[in-house]
């Protein structure tokens, strides 16, 4: 199989398993999505989805958010981790949105990445999921699977994103990155990985990854 044939196999398989793909983070508009994605850094979507309803009941727009102090925001979001940095970021970006953008989240990579606590991945998720502008946000699942499938050398997420964008058609990026995330969680996790259930890695996977898996399995018997 050529690399392109492998990529086509991945696309076809994911379309079969996930014809419809839910967005993991609950939100109602670009602002609530931006806050949810910011909160998800080094946390789980499940935990974020438990906390955002509490936060958004008090403040689901930048105007209400800036009425809260950084400390009040931090107390609410503490369970998701990194709350000192995230609470400052949420308060700071809400203030900027009011002052520079009339409270409206801009559909612009550069503008989003200029906000406090917002990096390239967060901006990419918002651009993709809120505005349907092609982007390929790379999280831990995508980074892991792109390496397992032999599509990138796995050195860093910047390289992984570049390789993914080169390999997959632009009009598929927005759905594909979500499909890969769900697949990684369900069939190809970092821990408790069962190659028998992972049809994509079993079919197109990097030989060294598969050999290491089989070696460890035979040693544990």
N, C-alpha and C. Protein backbone atom coordinates (compact mmCIF):
# COMPACT_ATOMS: atom_id res chain seq x y z
N UNK A 1 0.84 -1.21 0.00
CA UNK A 1 0.00 0.00 0.00
C UNK A 1 0.87 1.25 0.00
N UNK A 2 0.56 2.19 -0.89
CA UNK A 2 1.27 3.47 -0.86
C UNK A 2 0.70 4.29 0.30
N UNK A 3 1.40 5.37 0.64
CA UNK A 3 0.92 6.24 1.73
C UNK A 3 -0.47 6.79 1.40
N UNK A 4 -0.70 7.16 0.14
CA UNK A 4 -1.99 7.70 -0.26
C UNK A 4 -3.09 6.64 -0.17
N UNK A 5 -2.76 5.41 -0.53
CA UNK A 5 -3.74 4.32 -0.41
C UNK A 5 -4.09 4.07 1.06
N UNK A 6 -3.07 4.17 1.91
CA UNK A 6 -3.31 4.03 3.36
C UNK A 6 -4.22 5.16 3.86
N UNK A 7 -3.94 6.38 3.41
CA UNK A 7 -4.76 7.53 3.81
C UNK A 7 -6.21 7.34 3.35
N UNK A 8 -6.39 6.84 2.14
CA UNK A 8 -7.74 6.59 1.62
C UNK A 8 -8.46 5.52 2.43
N UNK A 9 -7.70 4.50 2.85
CA UNK A 9 -8.28 3.44 3.70
C UNK A 9 -8.76 4.03 5.03
N UNK A 10 -7.94 4.92 5.61
CA UNK A 10 -8.30 5.59 6.87
C UNK A 10 -9.59 6.39 6.68
N UNK A 11 -9.65 7.18 5.62
CA UNK A 11 -10.83 8.02 5.34
C UNK A 11 -12.09 7.15 5.19
N UNK A 12 -11.98 6.09 4.38
CA UNK A 12 -13.14 5.22 4.12
C UNK A 12 -13.61 4.52 5.40
N UNK A 13 -12.64 4.04 6.18
CA UNK A 13 -12.98 3.31 7.42
C UNK A 13 -13.64 4.24 8.42
N UNK A 14 -13.09 5.43 8.59
CA UNK A 14 -13.65 6.39 9.55
C UNK A 14 -15.05 6.85 9.12
N UNK A 15 -15.26 7.02 7.83
CA UNK A 15 -16.59 7.40 7.34
C UNK A 15 -17.62 6.31 7.61
N UNK A 16 -17.14 5.08 7.56
CA UNK A 16 -18.03 3.94 7.81
C UNK A 16 -18.41 3.87 9.29
N UNK A 17 -17.41 4.07 10.15
CA UNK A 17 -17.65 3.97 11.60
C UNK A 17 -18.37 5.21 12.14
N UNK A 18 -17.97 6.38 11.62
CA UNK A 18 -18.52 7.65 12.12
C UNK A 18 -19.10 8.50 10.99
N UNK A 19 -20.25 8.09 10.44
CA UNK A 19 -20.86 8.92 9.38
C UNK A 19 -21.27 10.29 9.91
N UNK A 20 -21.67 10.33 11.17
CA UNK A 20 -21.98 11.60 11.86
C UNK A 20 -21.03 11.71 13.04
N UNK A 21 -20.44 12.88 13.22
CA UNK A 21 -19.46 13.02 14.31
C UNK A 21 -19.89 14.13 15.28
N UNK A 22 -20.16 13.75 16.53
CA UNK A 22 -20.49 14.80 17.50
C UNK A 22 -19.26 15.60 17.91
N UNK A 23 -19.45 16.87 18.22
CA UNK A 23 -18.34 17.68 18.76
C UNK A 23 -18.24 17.36 20.24
N UNK A 24 -17.04 16.98 20.72
CA UNK A 24 -16.91 16.49 22.10
C UNK A 24 -17.25 17.51 23.18
N UNK A 25 -16.98 18.79 22.93
CA UNK A 25 -17.21 19.81 23.95
C UNK A 25 -18.56 20.48 23.76
N UNK A 26 -19.36 20.50 24.81
CA UNK A 26 -20.68 21.10 24.73
C UNK A 26 -20.57 22.64 24.71
N UNK A 27 -21.31 23.25 23.80
CA UNK A 27 -21.27 24.71 23.65
C UNK A 27 -22.49 25.13 22.85
N UNK A 28 -22.75 26.45 22.81
CA UNK A 28 -23.91 26.92 22.04
C UNK A 28 -23.54 27.97 21.00
N UNK A 29 -22.32 28.51 21.08
CA UNK A 29 -21.89 29.54 20.14
C UNK A 29 -20.36 29.64 20.15
N UNK A 30 -19.76 30.45 19.28
CA UNK A 30 -18.29 30.52 19.24
C UNK A 30 -17.64 30.90 20.58
N UNK A 31 -18.29 31.78 21.34
CA UNK A 31 -17.69 32.20 22.61
C UNK A 31 -17.64 31.04 23.60
N UNK A 32 -18.75 30.33 23.78
CA UNK A 32 -18.75 29.22 24.74
C UNK A 32 -17.84 28.09 24.27
N UNK A 33 -17.71 27.90 22.95
CA UNK A 33 -16.77 26.91 22.45
C UNK A 33 -15.33 27.33 22.76
N UNK A 34 -15.01 28.59 22.53
CA UNK A 34 -13.67 29.10 22.82
C UNK A 34 -13.30 28.87 24.28
N UNK A 35 -14.20 29.16 25.19
CA UNK A 35 -13.94 28.97 26.62
C UNK A 35 -13.78 27.48 26.93
N UNK A 36 -14.66 26.65 26.36
CA UNK A 36 -14.60 25.21 26.62
C UNK A 36 -13.28 24.61 26.12
N UNK A 37 -12.84 25.03 24.94
CA UNK A 37 -11.58 24.50 24.38
C UNK A 37 -10.39 24.96 25.24
N UNK A 38 -10.42 26.21 25.65
CA UNK A 38 -9.36 26.73 26.53
C UNK A 38 -9.30 25.90 27.81
N UNK A 39 -10.46 25.58 28.37
CA UNK A 39 -10.50 24.80 29.61
C UNK A 39 -10.03 23.36 29.43
N UNK A 40 -10.12 22.85 28.20
CA UNK A 40 -9.81 21.43 27.95
C UNK A 40 -8.31 21.13 27.93
N UNK A 41 -7.46 22.16 27.93
CA UNK A 41 -6.01 21.93 27.92
C UNK A 41 -5.61 21.12 29.14
N UNK A 42 -4.95 19.99 28.89
CA UNK A 42 -4.49 19.08 29.94
C UNK A 42 -5.62 18.66 30.89
N UNK A 43 -6.81 18.53 30.32
CA UNK A 43 -7.96 18.04 31.08
C UNK A 43 -8.76 17.14 30.15
N UNK A 44 -9.82 16.54 30.65
CA UNK A 44 -10.65 15.69 29.79
C UNK A 44 -11.92 16.44 29.38
N UNK A 45 -12.45 16.07 28.22
CA UNK A 45 -13.69 16.68 27.75
C UNK A 45 -14.84 16.42 28.73
N UNK A 46 -14.83 15.23 29.33
CA UNK A 46 -15.89 14.87 30.29
C UNK A 46 -15.89 15.85 31.46
N UNK A 47 -14.70 16.12 31.99
CA UNK A 47 -14.59 17.03 33.13
C UNK A 47 -15.00 18.46 32.73
N UNK A 48 -14.55 18.88 31.55
CA UNK A 48 -14.91 20.23 31.07
C UNK A 48 -16.43 20.35 30.92
N UNK A 49 -17.04 19.30 30.36
CA UNK A 49 -18.50 19.33 30.16
C UNK A 49 -19.28 19.32 31.48
N UNK A 50 -18.61 18.93 32.57
CA UNK A 50 -19.25 18.98 33.89
C UNK A 50 -19.19 20.39 34.48
N UNK A 51 -18.12 21.12 34.12
CA UNK A 51 -17.87 22.44 34.71
C UNK A 51 -18.50 23.59 33.91
N UNK A 52 -18.47 23.49 32.57
CA UNK A 52 -18.97 24.61 31.76
C UNK A 52 -20.44 24.98 32.03
N UNK A 53 -21.36 24.02 32.27
CA UNK A 53 -22.73 24.45 32.57
C UNK A 53 -22.81 25.35 33.81
N UNK A 54 -21.97 25.06 34.80
CA UNK A 54 -21.96 25.87 36.03
C UNK A 54 -21.45 27.28 35.72
N UNK A 55 -20.34 27.32 34.93
CA UNK A 55 -19.76 28.63 34.56
C UNK A 55 -20.71 29.41 33.66
N UNK A 56 -21.26 28.74 32.64
CA UNK A 56 -22.08 29.44 31.65
C UNK A 56 -23.46 29.86 32.19
N UNK A 57 -23.89 29.23 33.28
CA UNK A 57 -25.14 29.66 33.90
C UNK A 57 -24.97 31.07 34.48
N UNK A 58 -23.75 31.35 34.92
CA UNK A 58 -23.44 32.67 35.49
C UNK A 58 -23.01 33.64 34.39
N UNK A 59 -22.17 33.12 33.47
CA UNK A 59 -21.62 33.99 32.42
C UNK A 59 -21.38 33.19 31.15
N UNK A 60 -22.24 33.40 30.14
CA UNK A 60 -22.06 32.69 28.86
C UNK A 60 -21.73 33.65 27.73
N UNK A 61 -21.28 34.84 28.11
CA UNK A 61 -20.87 35.86 27.13
C UNK A 61 -19.81 36.74 27.77
N UNK A 62 -19.00 37.43 26.97
CA UNK A 62 -17.89 38.20 27.54
C UNK A 62 -18.33 39.31 28.49
N UNK A 63 -19.49 39.90 28.24
CA UNK A 63 -19.97 41.01 29.08
C UNK A 63 -20.26 40.55 30.51
N UNK A 64 -20.87 39.37 30.63
CA UNK A 64 -21.13 38.83 31.98
C UNK A 64 -19.85 38.27 32.60
N UNK A 65 -18.98 37.73 31.75
CA UNK A 65 -17.75 37.13 32.26
C UNK A 65 -16.86 38.16 32.95
N UNK A 66 -16.74 39.35 32.36
CA UNK A 66 -15.85 40.36 32.96
C UNK A 66 -16.42 40.94 34.26
N UNK A 67 -17.70 40.68 34.53
CA UNK A 67 -18.28 41.11 35.81
C UNK A 67 -17.76 40.24 36.95
N UNK A 68 -17.29 39.04 36.61
CA UNK A 68 -16.69 38.16 37.61
C UNK A 68 -15.22 38.54 37.80
N UNK A 69 -14.71 38.31 39.00
CA UNK A 69 -13.27 38.51 39.21
C UNK A 69 -12.53 37.27 38.73
N UNK A 70 -11.24 37.40 38.52
CA UNK A 70 -10.41 36.25 38.14
C UNK A 70 -10.54 35.15 39.19
N UNK A 71 -10.58 35.57 40.46
CA UNK A 71 -10.68 34.60 41.57
C UNK A 71 -12.01 33.84 41.53
N UNK A 72 -13.08 34.55 41.20
CA UNK A 72 -14.40 33.89 41.12
C UNK A 72 -14.43 32.86 39.98
N UNK A 73 -13.84 33.23 38.85
CA UNK A 73 -13.75 32.29 37.72
C UNK A 73 -12.92 31.08 38.14
N UNK A 74 -11.80 31.36 38.80
CA UNK A 74 -10.89 30.27 39.21
C UNK A 74 -11.59 29.28 40.14
N UNK A 75 -12.38 29.79 41.07
CA UNK A 75 -13.09 28.91 42.01
C UNK A 75 -14.04 27.96 41.28
N UNK A 76 -14.67 28.45 40.21
CA UNK A 76 -15.62 27.62 39.45
C UNK A 76 -14.89 26.56 38.61
N UNK A 77 -13.79 26.97 37.98
CA UNK A 77 -13.13 26.07 37.01
C UNK A 77 -12.02 25.22 37.64
N UNK A 78 -11.81 25.36 38.94
CA UNK A 78 -10.71 24.65 39.62
C UNK A 78 -10.61 23.15 39.28
N UNK A 79 -11.75 22.42 39.21
CA UNK A 79 -11.66 20.97 38.94
C UNK A 79 -11.00 20.60 37.60
N UNK A 80 -10.95 21.52 36.61
CA UNK A 80 -10.37 21.15 35.32
C UNK A 80 -8.84 21.28 35.31
N UNK A 81 -8.27 21.85 36.37
CA UNK A 81 -6.81 21.98 36.44
C UNK A 81 -6.31 23.25 35.75
N UNK A 82 -5.08 23.63 36.12
CA UNK A 82 -4.44 24.85 35.60
C UNK A 82 -5.33 26.08 35.76
N UNK A 83 -6.13 26.10 36.85
CA UNK A 83 -7.13 27.16 37.00
C UNK A 83 -6.55 28.57 37.14
N UNK A 84 -5.38 28.78 37.76
CA UNK A 84 -4.87 30.15 37.82
C UNK A 84 -4.63 30.76 36.43
N UNK A 85 -3.98 29.98 35.56
CA UNK A 85 -3.68 30.46 34.20
C UNK A 85 -4.96 30.57 33.36
N UNK A 86 -5.82 29.58 33.46
CA UNK A 86 -7.05 29.57 32.65
C UNK A 86 -8.02 30.68 33.06
N UNK A 87 -8.14 30.94 34.36
CA UNK A 87 -9.07 31.98 34.81
C UNK A 87 -8.60 33.36 34.35
N UNK A 88 -7.30 33.59 34.41
CA UNK A 88 -6.75 34.86 33.90
C UNK A 88 -7.00 34.98 32.39
N UNK A 89 -6.80 33.87 31.68
CA UNK A 89 -7.02 33.86 30.24
C UNK A 89 -8.46 34.15 29.87
N UNK A 90 -9.40 33.51 30.56
CA UNK A 90 -10.83 33.70 30.28
C UNK A 90 -11.24 35.15 30.53
N UNK A 91 -10.80 35.69 31.65
CA UNK A 91 -11.14 37.08 31.99
C UNK A 91 -10.49 38.04 30.99
N UNK A 92 -9.22 37.78 30.68
CA UNK A 92 -8.46 38.65 29.78
C UNK A 92 -9.00 38.66 28.37
N UNK A 93 -9.30 37.48 27.83
CA UNK A 93 -9.80 37.44 26.44
C UNK A 93 -11.21 38.01 26.35
N UNK A 94 -12.00 37.86 27.42
CA UNK A 94 -13.36 38.43 27.42
C UNK A 94 -13.29 39.95 27.36
N UNK A 95 -12.32 40.50 28.09
CA UNK A 95 -12.12 41.96 28.09
C UNK A 95 -11.71 42.44 26.69
N UNK A 96 -10.79 41.70 26.06
CA UNK A 96 -10.32 42.06 24.72
C UNK A 96 -11.47 41.97 23.71
N UNK A 97 -12.29 40.94 23.83
CA UNK A 97 -13.43 40.78 22.92
C UNK A 97 -14.37 41.98 22.99
N UNK A 98 -14.59 42.48 24.19
CA UNK A 98 -15.47 43.65 24.36
C UNK A 98 -14.81 44.90 23.78
N UNK A 99 -13.53 45.08 24.14
CA UNK A 99 -12.83 46.32 23.75
C UNK A 99 -12.53 46.40 22.25
N UNK A 100 -12.20 45.25 21.64
CA UNK A 100 -11.75 45.28 20.24
C UNK A 100 -12.73 44.69 19.23
N UNK A 101 -13.63 43.81 19.69
CA UNK A 101 -14.46 43.07 18.73
C UNK A 101 -15.96 43.14 19.03
N UNK A 102 -16.38 44.13 19.80
CA UNK A 102 -17.81 44.27 20.15
C UNK A 102 -18.40 43.00 20.75
N UNK A 103 -17.57 42.27 21.48
CA UNK A 103 -18.04 41.06 22.16
C UNK A 103 -18.20 39.85 21.27
N UNK A 104 -17.78 39.96 20.01
CA UNK A 104 -17.96 38.86 19.04
C UNK A 104 -16.61 38.18 18.78
N UNK A 105 -16.61 36.85 18.85
CA UNK A 105 -15.38 36.09 18.59
C UNK A 105 -15.03 36.21 17.11
N UNK A 106 -13.81 36.66 16.79
CA UNK A 106 -13.43 36.83 15.39
C UNK A 106 -13.08 35.49 14.72
N UNK A 107 -13.49 35.34 13.46
CA UNK A 107 -13.14 34.14 12.69
C UNK A 107 -11.80 34.37 12.02
N UNK A 108 -10.76 34.44 12.84
CA UNK A 108 -9.44 34.81 12.34
C UNK A 108 -8.36 34.16 13.20
N UNK A 109 -7.51 33.36 12.58
CA UNK A 109 -6.46 32.64 13.31
C UNK A 109 -5.57 33.59 14.11
N UNK A 110 -5.09 34.62 13.44
CA UNK A 110 -4.13 35.52 14.08
C UNK A 110 -4.75 36.22 15.29
N UNK A 111 -5.99 36.67 15.13
CA UNK A 111 -6.68 37.34 16.24
C UNK A 111 -6.88 36.39 17.41
N UNK A 112 -7.35 35.19 17.12
CA UNK A 112 -7.59 34.21 18.19
C UNK A 112 -6.30 33.86 18.94
N UNK A 113 -5.21 33.66 18.17
CA UNK A 113 -3.95 33.27 18.80
C UNK A 113 -3.31 34.41 19.59
N UNK A 114 -3.81 35.62 19.40
CA UNK A 114 -3.28 36.75 20.17
C UNK A 114 -3.93 36.85 21.55
N UNK A 115 -5.02 36.10 21.77
CA UNK A 115 -5.71 36.16 23.06
C UNK A 115 -4.90 35.42 24.13
N UNK A 116 -4.98 35.87 25.39
CA UNK A 116 -4.29 35.16 26.46
C UNK A 116 -4.81 33.73 26.62
N UNK A 117 -3.89 32.81 26.85
CA UNK A 117 -4.20 31.38 27.08
C UNK A 117 -4.78 30.67 25.86
N UNK A 118 -4.73 31.31 24.69
CA UNK A 118 -5.22 30.67 23.46
C UNK A 118 -4.03 30.38 22.54
N UNK A 119 -3.78 29.10 22.30
CA UNK A 119 -2.70 28.71 21.40
C UNK A 119 -3.25 28.31 20.04
N UNK A 120 -2.37 27.78 19.21
CA UNK A 120 -2.74 27.42 17.84
C UNK A 120 -3.81 26.33 17.80
N UNK A 121 -3.69 25.34 18.70
CA UNK A 121 -4.66 24.25 18.68
C UNK A 121 -6.05 24.75 19.05
N UNK A 122 -6.14 25.57 20.09
CA UNK A 122 -7.43 26.13 20.51
C UNK A 122 -8.04 26.96 19.38
N UNK A 123 -7.22 27.81 18.77
CA UNK A 123 -7.69 28.63 17.64
C UNK A 123 -8.19 27.74 16.50
N UNK A 124 -7.46 26.66 16.22
CA UNK A 124 -7.84 25.75 15.13
C UNK A 124 -9.18 25.07 15.40
N UNK A 125 -9.41 24.67 16.65
CA UNK A 125 -10.69 24.03 17.00
C UNK A 125 -11.84 25.01 16.79
N UNK A 126 -11.66 26.24 17.25
CA UNK A 126 -12.71 27.26 17.10
C UNK A 126 -12.97 27.57 15.63
N UNK A 127 -11.91 27.73 14.86
CA UNK A 127 -12.07 28.02 13.43
C UNK A 127 -12.80 26.88 12.72
N UNK A 128 -12.45 25.65 13.07
CA UNK A 128 -13.03 24.48 12.44
C UNK A 128 -14.48 24.25 12.87
N UNK A 129 -14.69 24.21 14.18
CA UNK A 129 -15.99 23.77 14.71
C UNK A 129 -17.00 24.89 14.85
N UNK A 130 -16.55 26.13 15.06
CA UNK A 130 -17.50 27.24 15.21
C UNK A 130 -17.77 27.93 13.87
N UNK A 131 -16.73 28.00 13.02
CA UNK A 131 -16.87 28.79 11.78
C UNK A 131 -16.76 27.96 10.51
N UNK A 132 -16.53 26.65 10.67
CA UNK A 132 -16.43 25.74 9.52
C UNK A 132 -15.35 26.16 8.53
N UNK A 133 -14.27 26.75 9.04
CA UNK A 133 -13.12 27.11 8.21
C UNK A 133 -12.10 25.98 8.34
N UNK A 134 -11.57 25.46 7.22
CA UNK A 134 -10.69 24.30 7.28
C UNK A 134 -9.50 24.48 8.24
N UNK A 135 -9.39 23.54 9.16
CA UNK A 135 -8.28 23.52 10.11
C UNK A 135 -8.07 22.08 10.54
N UNK A 136 -6.90 21.78 11.06
CA UNK A 136 -6.62 20.40 11.50
C UNK A 136 -5.98 20.45 12.88
N UNK A 137 -6.80 20.69 13.93
CA UNK A 137 -6.25 20.74 15.28
C UNK A 137 -5.68 19.38 15.68
N UNK A 138 -4.48 19.38 16.20
CA UNK A 138 -3.84 18.11 16.59
C UNK A 138 -3.83 17.99 18.11
N UNK A 139 -4.59 17.02 18.63
CA UNK A 139 -4.54 16.73 20.07
C UNK A 139 -3.73 15.46 20.28
N UNK A 140 -3.70 14.95 21.51
CA UNK A 140 -2.86 13.78 21.81
C UNK A 140 -3.28 12.55 21.01
N UNK A 141 -4.60 12.38 20.79
CA UNK A 141 -5.08 11.21 20.04
C UNK A 141 -4.59 11.26 18.59
N UNK A 142 -4.75 12.42 17.96
CA UNK A 142 -4.33 12.56 16.56
C UNK A 142 -2.82 12.41 16.44
N UNK A 143 -2.10 13.01 17.36
CA UNK A 143 -0.63 12.91 17.36
C UNK A 143 -0.20 11.44 17.45
N UNK A 144 -0.83 10.70 18.35
CA UNK A 144 -0.50 9.28 18.55
C UNK A 144 -0.84 8.45 17.31
N UNK A 145 -2.04 8.66 16.76
CA UNK A 145 -2.48 7.82 15.64
C UNK A 145 -1.75 8.15 14.34
N UNK A 146 -1.48 9.40 14.11
CA UNK A 146 -0.71 9.75 12.91
C UNK A 146 0.66 9.07 12.93
N UNK A 147 1.24 8.93 14.12
CA UNK A 147 2.52 8.21 14.24
C UNK A 147 2.30 6.70 14.07
N UNK A 148 1.31 6.16 14.76
CA UNK A 148 1.02 4.71 14.66
C UNK A 148 0.75 4.29 13.22
N UNK A 149 0.11 5.18 12.47
CA UNK A 149 -0.25 4.85 11.10
C UNK A 149 0.88 5.15 10.11
N UNK A 150 2.00 5.66 10.61
CA UNK A 150 3.16 5.92 9.76
C UNK A 150 3.01 7.16 8.89
N UNK A 151 2.15 8.10 9.30
CA UNK A 151 1.91 9.30 8.51
C UNK A 151 2.78 10.48 8.93
N UNK A 152 3.45 10.35 10.08
CA UNK A 152 4.33 11.42 10.56
C UNK A 152 5.41 10.78 11.42
N UNK A 153 6.51 11.51 11.65
CA UNK A 153 7.58 10.94 12.48
C UNK A 153 7.32 11.12 13.98
N UNK A 154 6.25 11.88 14.30
CA UNK A 154 5.84 12.00 15.70
C UNK A 154 6.71 12.88 16.58
N UNK A 155 7.58 13.69 15.96
CA UNK A 155 8.48 14.52 16.77
C UNK A 155 7.75 15.60 17.54
N UNK A 156 6.79 16.27 16.91
CA UNK A 156 6.01 17.30 17.60
C UNK A 156 4.69 17.54 16.88
N UNK A 157 3.77 18.22 17.57
CA UNK A 157 2.42 18.41 17.01
C UNK A 157 2.43 19.33 15.78
N UNK A 158 3.41 20.22 15.73
CA UNK A 158 3.52 21.13 14.57
C UNK A 158 3.78 20.32 13.30
N UNK A 159 4.74 19.39 13.41
CA UNK A 159 5.06 18.52 12.27
C UNK A 159 3.88 17.60 11.93
N UNK A 160 3.23 17.08 12.96
CA UNK A 160 2.07 16.19 12.74
C UNK A 160 0.96 16.92 11.99
N UNK A 161 0.69 18.17 12.39
CA UNK A 161 -0.35 18.96 11.71
C UNK A 161 0.04 19.20 10.25
N UNK A 162 1.29 19.54 10.03
CA UNK A 162 1.78 19.80 8.66
C UNK A 162 1.61 18.55 7.79
N UNK A 163 2.00 17.40 8.34
CA UNK A 163 1.92 16.14 7.60
C UNK A 163 0.46 15.75 7.32
N UNK A 164 -0.40 15.98 8.29
CA UNK A 164 -1.83 15.65 8.12
C UNK A 164 -2.45 16.51 7.01
N UNK A 165 -2.11 17.79 7.02
CA UNK A 165 -2.66 18.69 6.02
C UNK A 165 -2.16 18.37 4.61
N UNK A 166 -0.94 17.87 4.53
CA UNK A 166 -0.38 17.48 3.23
C UNK A 166 -1.06 16.22 2.70
N UNK A 167 -1.38 15.33 3.62
CA UNK A 167 -1.86 14.00 3.25
C UNK A 167 -3.36 13.95 2.94
N UNK A 168 -4.15 14.67 3.74
CA UNK A 168 -5.61 14.57 3.61
C UNK A 168 -6.18 15.79 2.87
N UNK A 169 -7.23 15.60 2.07
CA UNK A 169 -7.85 16.72 1.34
C UNK A 169 -8.42 17.77 2.30
N UNK A 170 -8.24 19.03 1.95
CA UNK A 170 -8.64 20.14 2.82
C UNK A 170 -10.13 20.11 3.18
N UNK A 171 -10.96 19.67 2.22
CA UNK A 171 -12.40 19.69 2.50
C UNK A 171 -12.82 18.61 3.51
N UNK A 172 -11.88 17.73 3.88
CA UNK A 172 -12.19 16.69 4.88
C UNK A 172 -11.61 17.01 6.27
N UNK A 173 -10.74 18.01 6.35
CA UNK A 173 -10.04 18.27 7.62
C UNK A 173 -10.98 18.39 8.81
N UNK A 174 -12.04 19.17 8.66
CA UNK A 174 -12.90 19.48 9.82
C UNK A 174 -13.60 18.26 10.39
N UNK A 175 -14.07 17.37 9.51
CA UNK A 175 -14.72 16.16 10.01
C UNK A 175 -13.68 15.11 10.40
N UNK A 176 -12.61 15.04 9.63
CA UNK A 176 -11.61 13.99 9.83
C UNK A 176 -10.91 14.10 11.18
N UNK A 177 -10.58 15.31 11.60
CA UNK A 177 -9.86 15.42 12.88
C UNK A 177 -10.76 14.95 14.04
N UNK A 178 -12.07 15.17 13.91
CA UNK A 178 -12.99 14.68 14.94
C UNK A 178 -13.13 13.16 14.88
N UNK A 179 -13.21 12.63 13.66
CA UNK A 179 -13.31 11.17 13.51
C UNK A 179 -12.09 10.47 14.11
N UNK A 180 -10.91 11.03 13.87
CA UNK A 180 -9.67 10.43 14.41
C UNK A 180 -9.67 10.47 15.93
N UNK A 181 -10.14 11.59 16.51
CA UNK A 181 -10.21 11.70 17.97
C UNK A 181 -11.10 10.60 18.55
N UNK A 182 -12.30 10.46 17.98
CA UNK A 182 -13.22 9.43 18.48
C UNK A 182 -12.65 8.02 18.29
N UNK A 183 -12.02 7.80 17.13
CA UNK A 183 -11.43 6.49 16.87
C UNK A 183 -10.32 6.20 17.88
N UNK A 184 -9.47 7.18 18.13
CA UNK A 184 -8.38 7.02 19.09
C UNK A 184 -8.88 6.65 20.47
N UNK A 185 -9.95 7.30 20.89
CA UNK A 185 -10.52 7.01 22.22
C UNK A 185 -11.12 5.61 22.29
N UNK A 186 -11.81 5.21 21.21
CA UNK A 186 -12.55 3.95 21.25
C UNK A 186 -11.75 2.72 20.84
N UNK A 187 -10.88 2.89 19.85
CA UNK A 187 -10.22 1.72 19.28
C UNK A 187 -8.69 1.72 19.37
N UNK A 188 -8.08 2.87 19.60
CA UNK A 188 -6.62 2.92 19.59
C UNK A 188 -6.08 3.83 20.68
N UNK A 189 -6.44 3.52 21.95
CA UNK A 189 -6.01 4.37 23.05
C UNK A 189 -4.52 4.21 23.37
N UNK A 190 -4.01 5.11 24.18
CA UNK A 190 -2.60 5.02 24.60
C UNK A 190 -2.42 3.85 25.57
N UNK A 191 -3.38 3.70 26.49
CA UNK A 191 -3.31 2.60 27.47
C UNK A 191 -4.41 1.59 27.19
N UNK A 192 -4.12 0.33 27.45
CA UNK A 192 -5.12 -0.72 27.24
C UNK A 192 -5.45 -0.93 25.77
N UNK A 193 -4.45 -0.70 24.93
CA UNK A 193 -4.65 -0.81 23.48
C UNK A 193 -4.72 -2.27 23.05
N UNK A 194 -5.75 -2.61 22.30
CA UNK A 194 -5.94 -3.96 21.77
C UNK A 194 -5.89 -3.89 20.24
N UNK A 195 -4.80 -4.37 19.68
CA UNK A 195 -4.60 -4.29 18.22
C UNK A 195 -5.69 -5.04 17.45
N UNK A 196 -6.22 -6.10 18.07
CA UNK A 196 -7.27 -6.88 17.41
C UNK A 196 -8.51 -6.02 17.10
N UNK A 197 -8.79 -5.05 17.96
CA UNK A 197 -9.97 -4.19 17.79
C UNK A 197 -9.66 -2.97 16.92
N UNK A 198 -8.37 -2.75 16.66
CA UNK A 198 -7.93 -1.54 15.96
C UNK A 198 -7.65 -1.86 14.49
N UNK A 199 -8.73 -1.88 13.68
CA UNK A 199 -8.61 -2.32 12.28
C UNK A 199 -7.69 -1.41 11.46
N UNK A 200 -7.67 -0.12 11.77
CA UNK A 200 -6.85 0.79 10.95
C UNK A 200 -5.37 0.53 11.18
N UNK A 201 -4.95 0.51 12.45
CA UNK A 201 -3.52 0.26 12.73
C UNK A 201 -3.12 -1.13 12.26
N UNK A 202 -4.01 -2.09 12.44
CA UNK A 202 -3.73 -3.46 12.00
C UNK A 202 -3.49 -3.51 10.49
N UNK A 203 -4.18 -2.65 9.74
CA UNK A 203 -4.11 -2.68 8.28
C UNK A 203 -2.99 -1.80 7.73
N UNK A 204 -2.85 -0.58 8.27
CA UNK A 204 -1.90 0.36 7.67
C UNK A 204 -0.75 0.76 8.60
N UNK A 205 -0.75 0.22 9.83
CA UNK A 205 0.15 0.70 10.88
C UNK A 205 1.63 0.58 10.57
N UNK A 206 2.40 1.42 11.25
CA UNK A 206 3.86 1.40 11.18
C UNK A 206 4.36 0.05 11.68
N UNK A 207 5.24 -0.58 10.89
CA UNK A 207 5.70 -1.94 11.24
C UNK A 207 6.34 -2.01 12.62
N UNK A 208 7.17 -1.01 12.96
CA UNK A 208 7.85 -1.04 14.26
C UNK A 208 6.84 -0.98 15.42
N UNK A 209 5.78 -0.19 15.24
CA UNK A 209 4.75 -0.07 16.28
C UNK A 209 4.04 -1.41 16.47
N UNK A 210 3.67 -2.05 15.36
CA UNK A 210 2.98 -3.34 15.43
C UNK A 210 3.89 -4.41 16.03
N UNK A 211 5.15 -4.44 15.58
CA UNK A 211 6.11 -5.43 16.10
C UNK A 211 6.34 -5.25 17.60
N UNK A 212 6.46 -4.01 18.05
CA UNK A 212 6.64 -3.74 19.49
C UNK A 212 5.44 -4.20 20.29
N UNK A 213 4.25 -3.96 19.73
CA UNK A 213 3.02 -4.39 20.39
C UNK A 213 3.01 -5.92 20.54
N UNK A 214 3.30 -6.62 19.44
CA UNK A 214 3.28 -8.09 19.46
C UNK A 214 4.35 -8.66 20.39
N UNK A 215 5.49 -8.01 20.41
CA UNK A 215 6.60 -8.43 21.28
C UNK A 215 6.20 -8.32 22.76
N UNK A 216 5.60 -7.17 23.12
CA UNK A 216 5.17 -6.98 24.51
C UNK A 216 4.08 -7.98 24.88
N UNK A 217 3.19 -8.24 23.93
CA UNK A 217 2.09 -9.17 24.20
C UNK A 217 2.63 -10.58 24.44
N UNK A 218 3.60 -11.01 23.62
CA UNK A 218 4.15 -12.36 23.79
C UNK A 218 4.95 -12.48 25.10
N UNK A 219 5.58 -11.38 25.51
CA UNK A 219 6.35 -11.39 26.77
C UNK A 219 5.45 -11.43 27.99
N UNK A 220 4.24 -10.87 27.85
CA UNK A 220 3.32 -10.84 29.01
C UNK A 220 2.54 -12.13 29.19
N UNK A 221 2.72 -13.04 28.24
CA UNK A 221 1.98 -14.33 28.36
C UNK A 221 2.63 -15.25 29.37
